[in-house]
Amino acid sequence: MVSAVDGVQARAKELFRDALVWDAHAGFETNPGMDLEQLSIWRDAGVDFLSVNVGYDVWPWERTVKSLAFARRWVLASQHYALVGSSAEIVQANAAGRMAIAFDLEGMNALDGSIDMVHLYHSLGVRQMLFAYNRNNLAGGGCHGAFARSGGVLTLQSSRAVGA
């Protein structure tokens, strides 16, 4: 006899199998030279798309670029993952049996004050970027910063980044 729990589990497995499973942020610190084979945790769990964090506001922008260069090279050399830039490329990667990967940044310190950096990061595979991580920066208030506690949210720099 099939229990109600078994029925719910079967339906959940069916939904998961038929869905596009999207994880918008892998919360680990990417560093040059690390073993990114840990991405297999997501792949083995059935994730179709994963955004890998390559930098955040506590790092200088140069470290973010190095982290991004390393992660990009690693993904491009892998047979299990595909660097994607669009939803159509996610579908193509999945059809080929590969997990789709893009990159994200937590905070805009990685721009080093230059809106032109948005285009550079985009060309390298970054598809999402927070205005601010935990600390205040040129783009806005982080959750631990006085700017955020005072009600401030965005700055002129972040408004320009949206337009870029």
C-alpha atoms as a PDB file:
ATOM      1  CA  MET A   1       0.000   0.000   0.000  1.00  0.00           C
ATOM      2  CA  VAL A   2       1.294   3.465  -0.923  1.00  0.00           C
ATOM      3  CA  SER A   3       1.161   5.947   1.950  1.00  0.00           C
ATOM      4  CA  ALA A   4       0.262   9.608   1.584  1.00  0.00           C
ATOM      5  CA  VAL A   5       3.918  10.469   2.219  1.00  0.00           C
ATOM      6  CA  ASP A   6       5.040   8.140  -0.565  1.00  0.00           C
ATOM      7  CA  GLY A   7       2.549   9.792  -2.908  1.00  0.00           C
ATOM      8  CA  VAL A   8       3.819  13.261  -2.047  1.00  0.00           C
ATOM      9  CA  GLN A   9       7.440  12.155  -2.481  1.00  0.00           C
ATOM     10  CA  ALA A  10       6.645  10.604  -5.867  1.00  0.00           C
ATOM     11  CA  ARG A  11       4.923  13.808  -7.016  1.00  0.00           C
ATOM     12  CA  ALA A  12       7.833  15.921  -5.748  1.00  0.00           C
ATOM     13  CA  LYS A  13      10.324  13.780  -7.679  1.00  0.00           C
ATOM     14  CA  GLU A  14       8.193  14.137 -10.801  1.00  0.00           C
ATOM     15  CA  LEU A  15       8.013  17.928 -10.454  1.00  0.00           C
ATOM     16  CA  PHE A  16      11.752  18.144  -9.854  1.00  0.00           C
ATOM     17  CA  ARG A  17      12.527  15.922 -12.847  1.00  0.00           C
ATOM     18  CA  ASP A  18      10.316  17.974 -15.185  1.00  0.00           C
ATOM     19  CA  ALA A  19      11.356  21.422 -13.915  1.00  0.00           C
ATOM     20  CA  LEU A  20      14.253  23.666 -14.781  1.00  0.00           C
ATOM     21  CA  VAL A  21      16.091  23.716 -11.453  1.00  0.00           C
ATOM     22  CA  TRP A  22      17.744  27.113 -11.039  1.00  0.00           C
ATOM     23  CA  ASP A  23      20.100  28.028  -8.181  1.00  0.00           C
ATOM     24  CA  ALA A  24      20.812  31.744  -8.436  1.00  0.00           C
ATOM     25  CA  HIS A  25      23.779  31.771  -6.050  1.00  0.00           C
ATOM     26  CA  ALA A  26      26.298  29.146  -4.991  1.00  0.00           C
ATOM     27  CA  GLY A  27      27.380  30.506  -1.658  1.00  0.00           C
ATOM     28  CA  PHE A  28      31.002  29.476  -1.494  1.00  0.00           C
ATOM     29  CA  GLU A  29      34.145  31.531  -1.874  1.00  0.00           C
ATOM     30  CA  THR A  30      35.800  30.916  -5.238  1.00  0.00           C
ATOM     31  CA  ASN A  31      39.573  31.208  -5.150  1.00  0.00           C
ATOM     32  CA  PRO A  32      42.137  30.617  -7.877  1.00  0.00           C
ATOM     33  CA  GLY A  33      43.538  27.116  -7.659  1.00  0.00           C
ATOM     34  CA  MET A  34      40.668  25.623  -5.692  1.00  0.00           C
ATOM     35  CA  ASP A  35      39.008  22.408  -6.788  1.00  0.00           C
ATOM     36  CA  LEU A  36      35.763  23.458  -8.439  1.00  0.00           C
ATOM     37  CA  GLU A  37      34.733  19.836  -8.745  1.00  0.00           C
ATOM     38  CA  GLN A  38      32.570  20.658  -5.725  1.00  0.00           C
ATOM     39  CA  LEU A  39      30.099  21.917  -8.331  1.00  0.00           C
ATOM     40  CA  SER A  40      29.230  18.253  -8.739  1.00  0.00           C
ATOM     41  CA  ILE A  41      27.185  18.566  -5.526  1.00  0.00           C
ATOM     42  CA  TRP A  42      24.695  20.722  -7.442  1.00  0.00           C
ATOM     43  CA  ARG A  43      24.936  18.684 -10.637  1.00  0.00           C
ATOM     44  CA  ASP A  44      24.328  15.413  -8.781  1.00  0.00           C
ATOM     45  CA  ALA A  45      21.325  16.992  -7.022  1.00  0.00           C
ATOM     46  CA  GLY A  46      19.733  17.723 -10.400  1.00  0.00           C
ATOM     47  CA  VAL A  47      20.413  21.461 -10.644  1.00  0.00           C
ATOM     48  CA  ASP A  48      20.210  22.661 -14.256  1.00  0.00           C
ATOM     49  CA  PHE A  49      21.602  26.185 -13.796  1.00  0.00           C
ATOM     50  CA  LEU A  50      23.955  27.513 -11.140  1.00  0.00           C
ATOM     51  CA  SER A  51      25.328  30.996 -10.636  1.00  0.00           C
ATOM     52  CA  VAL A  52      28.768  30.800  -9.044  1.00  0.00           C
ATOM     53  CA  ASN A  53      29.892  33.667  -6.844  1.00  0.00           C
ATOM     54  CA  VAL A  54      33.283  34.970  -7.981  1.00  0.00           C
ATOM     55  CA  GLY A  55      33.652  38.001  -5.740  1.00  0.00           C
ATOM     56  CA  TYR A  56      32.176  40.147  -3.029  1.00  0.00           C
ATOM     57  CA  ASP A  57      32.697  43.529  -1.460  1.00  0.00           C
ATOM     58  CA  VAL A  58      35.260  42.506   1.135  1.00  0.00           C
ATOM     59  CA  TRP A  59      37.700  41.683  -1.690  1.00  0.00           C
ATOM     60  CA  PRO A  60      39.619  44.233  -3.743  1.00  0.00           C
ATOM     61  CA  TRP A  61      38.445  44.278  -7.352  1.00  0.00           C
ATOM     62  CA  GLU A  62      41.727  42.757  -8.564  1.00  0.00           C
ATOM     63  CA  ARG A  63      41.075  39.594  -6.554  1.00  0.00           C
ATOM     64  CA  THR A  64      37.589  39.351  -8.049  1.00  0.00           C
ATOM     65  CA  VAL A  65      39.005  39.514 -11.579  1.00  0.00           C
ATOM     66  CA  LYS A  66      41.531  36.777 -10.749  1.00  0.00           C
ATOM     67  CA  SER A  67      38.792  34.611  -9.229  1.00  0.00           C
ATOM     68  CA  LEU A  68      36.585  35.144 -12.268  1.00  0.00           C
ATOM     69  CA  ALA A  69      39.425  34.328 -14.677  1.00  0.00           C
ATOM     70  CA  PHE A  70      40.148  31.088 -12.806  1.00  0.00           C
ATOM     71  CA  ALA A  71      36.489  29.990 -12.584  1.00  0.00           C
ATOM     72  CA  ARG A  72      35.865  30.841 -16.227  1.00  0.00           C
ATOM     73  CA  ARG A  73      38.883  28.826 -17.406  1.00  0.00           C
ATOM     74  CA  TRP A  74      37.883  25.872 -15.206  1.00  0.00           C
ATOM     75  CA  VAL A  75      34.271  25.799 -16.441  1.00  0.00           C
ATOM     76  CA  LEU A  76      35.274  26.172 -20.100  1.00  0.00           C
ATOM     77  CA  ALA A  77      37.678  23.209 -19.773  1.00  0.00           C
ATOM     78  CA  SER A  78      35.083  20.968 -18.111  1.00  0.00           C
ATOM     79  CA  GLN A  79      33.011  18.339 -19.881  1.00  0.00           C
ATOM     80  CA  HIS A  80      30.242  18.495 -17.245  1.00  0.00           C
ATOM     81  CA  TYR A  81      29.520  22.243 -17.246  1.00  0.00           C
ATOM     82  CA  ALA A  82      28.768  24.934 -19.805  1.00  0.00           C
ATOM     83  CA  LEU A  83      29.309  28.669 -19.392  1.00  0.00           C
ATOM     84  CA  VAL A  84      26.040  30.285 -20.492  1.00  0.00           C
ATOM     85  CA  GLY A  85      24.836  33.793 -21.142  1.00  0.00           C
ATOM     86  CA  SER A  86      21.173  33.326 -21.995  1.00  0.00           C
ATOM     87  CA  SER A  87      18.165  31.162 -21.239  1.00  0.00           C
ATOM     88  CA  ALA A  88      18.469  29.529 -24.676  1.00  0.00           C
ATOM     89  CA  GLU A  89      22.040  28.509 -23.815  1.00  0.00           C
ATOM     90  CA  ILE A  90      20.796  26.964 -20.550  1.00  0.00           C
ATOM     91  CA  VAL A  91      18.390  24.779 -22.520  1.00  0.00           C
ATOM     92  CA  GLN A  92      21.173  23.839 -24.968  1.00  0.00           C
ATOM     93  CA  ALA A  93      23.574  22.943 -22.147  1.00  0.00           C
ATOM     94  CA  ASN A  94      20.986  20.788 -20.420  1.00  0.00           C
ATOM     95  CA  ALA A  95      20.114  19.014 -23.689  1.00  0.00           C
ATOM     96  CA  ALA A  96      23.813  18.175 -23.997  1.00  0.00           C
ATOM     97  CA  GLY A  97      23.826  16.757 -20.456  1.00  0.00           C
ATOM     98  CA  ARG A  98      25.780  19.658 -18.970  1.00  0.00           C
ATOM     99  CA  MET A  99      24.926  21.894 -16.036  1.00  0.00           C
ATOM    100  CA  ALA A 100      24.701  25.547 -17.082  1.00  0.00           C
ATOM    101  CA  ILE A 101      26.965  27.994 -15.219  1.00  0.00           C
ATOM    102  CA  ALA A 102      27.076  31.782 -14.991  1.00  0.00           C
ATOM    103  CA  PHE A 103      28.782  34.011 -12.456  1.00  0.00           C
ATOM    104  CA  ASP A 104      27.639  36.574  -9.889  1.00  0.00           C
ATOM    105  CA  LEU A 105      29.121  39.313  -7.740  1.00  0.00           C
ATOM    106  CA  GLU A 106      28.028  40.335  -4.267  1.00  0.00           C
ATOM    107  CA  GLY A 107      28.371  44.098  -4.319  1.00  0.00           C
ATOM    108  CA  MET A 108      29.716  46.665  -6.729  1.00  0.00           C
ATOM    109  CA  ASN A 109      33.144  47.258  -5.211  1.00  0.00           C
ATOM    110  CA  ALA A 110      34.375  45.034  -8.035  1.00  0.00           C
ATOM    111  CA  LEU A 111      33.606  47.932 -10.398  1.00  0.00           C
ATOM    112  CA  ASP A 112      36.344  50.001  -8.741  1.00  0.00           C
ATOM    113  CA  GLY A 113      34.136  53.043  -9.277  1.00  0.00           C
ATOM    114  CA  SER A 114      33.946  52.547 -13.064  1.00  0.00           C
ATOM    115  CA  ILE A 115      30.607  51.795 -14.714  1.00  0.00           C
ATOM    116  CA  ASP A 116      32.561  50.501 -17.728  1.00  0.00           C
ATOM    117  CA  MET A 117      33.459  47.467 -15.597  1.00  0.00           C
ATOM    118  CA  VAL A 118      29.813  46.300 -15.835  1.00  0.00           C
ATOM    119  CA  HIS A 119      30.366  45.560 -19.531  1.00  0.00           C
ATOM    120  CA  LEU A 120      33.681  43.823 -18.853  1.00  0.00           C
ATOM    121  CA  TYR A 121      32.182  41.530 -16.229  1.00  0.00           C
ATOM    122  CA  HIS A 122      29.193  40.800 -18.460  1.00  0.00           C
ATOM    123  CA  SER A 123      31.505  39.813 -21.315  1.00  0.00           C
ATOM    124  CA  LEU A 124      33.232  37.381 -18.931  1.00  0.00           C
ATOM    125  CA  GLY A 125      30.018  35.643 -17.835  1.00  0.00           C
ATOM    126  CA  VAL A 126      28.722  37.640 -14.872  1.00  0.00           C
ATOM    127  CA  ARG A 127      24.939  37.770 -15.097  1.00  0.00           C
ATOM    128  CA  GLN A 128      23.955  39.180 -11.725  1.00  0.00           C
ATOM    129  CA  MET A 129      25.477  41.703  -9.375  1.00  0.00           C
ATOM    130  CA  LEU A 130      24.191  42.969  -6.038  1.00  0.00           C
ATOM    131  CA  PHE A 131      24.431  46.689  -5.407  1.00  0.00           C
ATOM    132  CA  ALA A 132      25.857  46.126  -1.946  1.00  0.00           C
ATOM    133  CA  TYR A 133      26.796  43.080   0.088  1.00  0.00           C
ATOM    134  CA  ASN A 134      27.105  43.407   3.872  1.00  0.00           C
ATOM    135  CA  ARG A 135      29.028  46.675   3.831  1.00  0.00           C
ATOM    136  CA  ASN A 136      28.336  50.098   2.384  1.00  0.00           C
ATOM    137  CA  ASN A 137      29.959  50.865  -0.943  1.00  0.00           C
ATOM    138  CA  LEU A 138      29.667  53.445  -3.728  1.00  0.00           C
ATOM    139  CA  ALA A 139      26.440  51.835  -4.965  1.00  0.00           C
ATOM    140  CA  GLY A 140      24.435  51.556  -1.762  1.00  0.00           C
ATOM    141  CA  GLY A 141      24.101  50.441   1.792  1.00  0.00           C
ATOM    142  CA  GLY A 142      24.961  46.965   2.957  1.00  0.00           C
ATOM    143  CA  CYS A 143      22.862  45.333   5.647  1.00  0.00           C
ATOM    144  CA  HIS A 144      25.568  45.994   8.263  1.00  0.00           C
ATOM    145  CA  GLY A 145      26.251  49.593   7.240  1.00  0.00           C
ATOM    146  CA  ALA A 146      25.015  52.850   8.748  1.00  0.00           C
ATOM    147  CA  PHE A 147      23.717  53.907   5.318  1.00  0.00           C
ATOM    148  CA  ALA A 148      21.248  51.004   5.249  1.00  0.00           C
ATOM    149  CA  ARG A 149      20.186  51.513   8.866  1.00  0.00           C
ATOM    150  CA  SER A 150      19.389  55.153   8.100  1.00  0.00           C
ATOM    151  CA  GLY A 151      16.980  54.155   5.324  1.00  0.00           C
ATOM    152  CA  GLY A 152      19.309  54.773   2.381  1.00  0.00           C
ATOM    153  CA  VAL A 153      19.201  52.219  -0.378  1.00  0.00           C
ATOM    154  CA  LEU A 154      20.798  53.252  -3.654  1.00  0.00           C
ATOM    155  CA  THR A 155      23.240  55.913  -4.770  1.00  0.00           C
ATOM    156  CA  LEU A 156      23.899  57.732  -8.021  1.00  0.00           C
ATOM    157  CA  GLN A 157      26.582  55.103  -8.795  1.00  0.00           C
ATOM    158  CA  SER A 158      24.031  52.264  -8.583  1.00  0.00           C
ATOM    159  CA  SER A 159      21.549  54.186 -10.719  1.00  0.00           C
ATOM    160  CA  ARG A 160      24.225  54.559 -13.395  1.00  0.00           C
ATOM    161  CA  ALA A 161      25.051  50.841 -13.186  1.00  0.00           C
ATOM    162  CA  VAL A 162      21.429  49.915 -13.896  1.00  0.00           C
ATOM    163  CA  GLY A 163      21.556  52.065 -17.010  1.00  0.00           C
ATOM    164  CA  ALA A 164      24.823  50.496 -18.163  1.00  0.00           C
END
